[in-house]
Amino acid sequence: MTKYIKDRSSVKLNISDDRSEYSLLYDSYAPLLYGVIFRIVKDQVAAERLLEKTILKIWKCRAAHDAKKLTFSTWMINIARNFAIFDSINKNNEATGSAGILELVMTHGLNIKEAAGRLRISMKEAVTRLREELKQTRPLKIG
């Protein structure tokens, strides 16, 4: 019989690398996170791939969750949503051949100056590209 996390609002996974806790996390939250991801990417295979990446990221970063700022489920939903949005942006960038400064900033943790340096563009161009990529995220409707 599968066990689920009953009180999701107060959950805090142990820092240990216990596989049973990973399974508990997956069994309790995968359906919720899959739904968030699927509403954005609208592709079952992509949603399943992103769900795996999301759960793994949550597991690796679980010590970084701050219950004073966000509930555990809200924190996880934000991670899932970001993976889905950036996946959609990356598909668009691959189709157009443009570099994804938003991806560098959001998923690789670079600031705009560092991203501009990596792309070998001016700060002004970096800000312009970032603004354009952010505009592309607005048409994504969740729900």
Protein backbone atom coordinates (compact mmCIF):
# COMPACT_ATOMS: atom_id res chain seq x y z
CA MET A 1 0.00 0.00 0.00
CA THR A 2 1.36 3.42 -0.96
CA LYS A 3 1.81 5.95 1.83
CA TYR A 4 1.11 9.61 1.16
CA ILE A 5 2.07 12.77 2.96
CA LYS A 6 -1.11 13.60 4.86
CA ASP A 7 -0.48 17.14 6.06
CA ARG A 8 1.15 18.79 3.06
CA SER A 9 1.16 22.24 4.63
CA SER A 10 3.63 21.29 7.36
CA VAL A 11 5.85 18.87 5.46
CA LYS A 12 9.59 19.18 5.75
CA LEU A 13 11.53 16.29 4.29
CA ASN A 14 14.55 15.05 6.18
CA ILE A 15 17.91 16.06 4.79
CA SER A 16 18.98 12.40 4.70
CA ASP A 17 19.10 10.60 1.36
CA ASP A 18 16.51 8.01 2.32
CA ARG A 19 14.94 6.50 -0.82
CA SER A 20 11.64 5.90 0.96
CA GLU A 21 11.33 9.67 1.50
CA TYR A 22 11.99 10.27 -2.20
CA SER A 23 9.23 7.78 -3.05
CA LEU A 24 6.92 9.45 -0.56
CA LEU A 25 7.61 12.82 -2.16
CA TYR A 26 6.98 11.44 -5.64
CA ASP A 27 3.81 9.55 -4.72
CA SER A 28 2.35 12.52 -2.85
CA TYR A 29 3.10 15.33 -5.26
CA ALA A 30 3.66 13.93 -8.77
CA PRO A 31 -0.02 14.20 -9.81
CA LEU A 32 -0.23 17.83 -8.68
CA LEU A 33 3.06 18.82 -10.32
CA TYR A 34 2.27 16.92 -13.52
CA GLY A 35 -0.99 18.86 -13.83
CA VAL A 36 0.80 22.20 -13.47
CA ILE A 37 3.41 21.23 -16.06
CA PHE A 38 0.96 19.70 -18.54
CA ARG A 39 -1.26 22.80 -18.55
CA ILE A 40 1.72 24.81 -19.76
CA VAL A 41 3.48 22.48 -22.22
CA LYS A 42 0.36 20.65 -23.48
CA ASP A 43 2.46 17.61 -24.42
CA GLN A 44 2.35 14.37 -22.43
CA VAL A 45 5.91 13.24 -23.19
CA ALA A 46 7.38 16.67 -22.41
CA ALA A 47 5.30 16.90 -19.22
CA GLU A 48 6.54 13.50 -18.01
CA ARG A 49 10.16 14.45 -18.77
CA LEU A 50 9.79 17.76 -16.96
CA LEU A 51 8.09 16.08 -14.01
CA GLU A 52 11.14 13.87 -13.53
CA LYS A 53 13.45 16.91 -13.71
CA THR A 54 11.22 18.80 -11.29
CA ILE A 55 11.08 16.04 -8.67
CA LEU A 56 14.84 15.55 -8.88
CA LYS A 57 15.46 19.31 -8.50
CA ILE A 58 13.10 19.44 -5.51
CA TRP A 59 14.84 16.46 -3.93
CA LYS A 60 18.30 17.94 -4.42
CA CYS A 61 17.28 21.41 -3.18
CA ARG A 62 14.88 20.41 -0.40
CA ALA A 63 17.11 21.92 2.28
CA ALA A 64 16.74 25.32 0.58
CA HIS A 65 12.97 25.45 1.18
CA ASP A 66 12.07 28.23 3.61
CA ALA A 67 8.69 27.55 5.23
CA LYS A 68 8.54 31.17 6.40
CA LYS A 69 8.35 32.35 2.78
CA LEU A 70 6.34 29.65 0.98
CA THR A 71 4.51 26.49 1.82
CA PHE A 72 6.27 23.37 0.59
CA SER A 73 3.65 22.71 -2.09
CA THR A 74 3.75 26.32 -3.36
CA TRP A 75 7.55 26.16 -3.51
CA MET A 76 7.37 22.93 -5.55
CA ILE A 77 4.67 24.31 -7.87
CA ASN A 78 6.90 27.32 -8.59
CA ILE A 79 9.77 25.02 -9.53
CA ALA A 80 7.49 22.92 -11.78
CA ARG A 81 5.99 26.00 -13.41
CA ASN A 82 9.42 27.50 -14.07
CA PHE A 83 10.69 24.29 -15.68
CA ALA A 84 7.62 24.19 -17.93
CA ILE A 85 7.82 27.85 -18.92
CA PHE A 86 11.53 27.69 -19.67
CA ASP A 87 11.04 24.51 -21.67
CA SER A 88 8.45 26.34 -23.79
CA ILE A 89 10.78 29.31 -24.21
CA ASN A 90 13.68 27.03 -25.15
CA LYS A 91 11.59 25.34 -27.84
CA ASN A 92 10.82 28.78 -29.24
CA ASN A 93 14.50 29.80 -29.02
CA GLU A 94 15.56 26.61 -30.81
CA ALA A 95 13.04 27.32 -33.56
CA THR A 96 14.26 30.90 -33.99
CA GLY A 97 17.93 30.20 -33.29
CA SER A 98 18.16 32.92 -30.65
CA ALA A 99 20.12 32.61 -27.42
CA GLY A 100 18.00 32.33 -24.28
CA ILE A 101 19.15 34.97 -21.83
CA LEU A 102 16.10 34.28 -19.66
CA GLU A 103 17.24 30.68 -19.30
CA LEU A 104 20.73 31.81 -18.28
CA VAL A 105 19.32 34.16 -15.68
CA MET A 106 16.57 31.94 -14.26
CA THR A 107 17.84 28.38 -14.52
CA HIS A 108 21.60 28.89 -14.34
CA GLY A 109 21.46 31.60 -11.69
CA LEU A 110 23.46 34.19 -13.62
CA ASN A 111 22.79 37.88 -13.22
CA ILE A 112 22.21 39.99 -16.34
CA LYS A 113 25.82 41.18 -16.46
CA GLU A 114 27.15 37.60 -16.28
CA ALA A 115 24.66 36.42 -18.92
CA ALA A 116 25.65 39.31 -21.20
CA GLY A 117 29.29 38.34 -20.80
CA ARG A 118 28.58 34.70 -21.61
CA LEU A 119 26.63 35.67 -24.72
CA ARG A 120 29.23 38.32 -25.61
CA ILE A 121 26.66 41.09 -25.91
CA SER A 122 26.32 44.53 -24.31
CA MET A 123 24.27 45.07 -21.17
CA LYS A 124 21.81 47.13 -23.20
CA GLU A 125 21.34 44.25 -25.67
CA ALA A 126 21.01 41.79 -22.77
CA VAL A 127 18.24 43.85 -21.17
CA THR A 128 16.48 44.18 -24.53
CA ARG A 129 16.63 40.42 -25.16
CA LEU A 130 15.49 39.65 -21.62
CA ARG A 131 12.53 42.01 -22.04
CA GLU A 132 11.58 40.33 -25.34
CA GLU A 133 11.82 36.84 -23.87
CA LEU A 134 9.69 37.87 -20.91
CA LYS A 135 7.05 39.18 -23.31
CA GLN A 136 6.94 35.72 -24.89
CA THR A 137 5.99 34.18 -21.54
CA ARG A 138 2.88 36.33 -21.12
CA PRO A 139 0.71 34.47 -23.66
CA LEU A 140 1.19 31.21 -21.73
CA LYS A 141 -2.11 30.54 -19.99
CA ILE A 142 -2.25 28.22 -17.03
CA GLY A 143 -5.55 26.53 -16.62
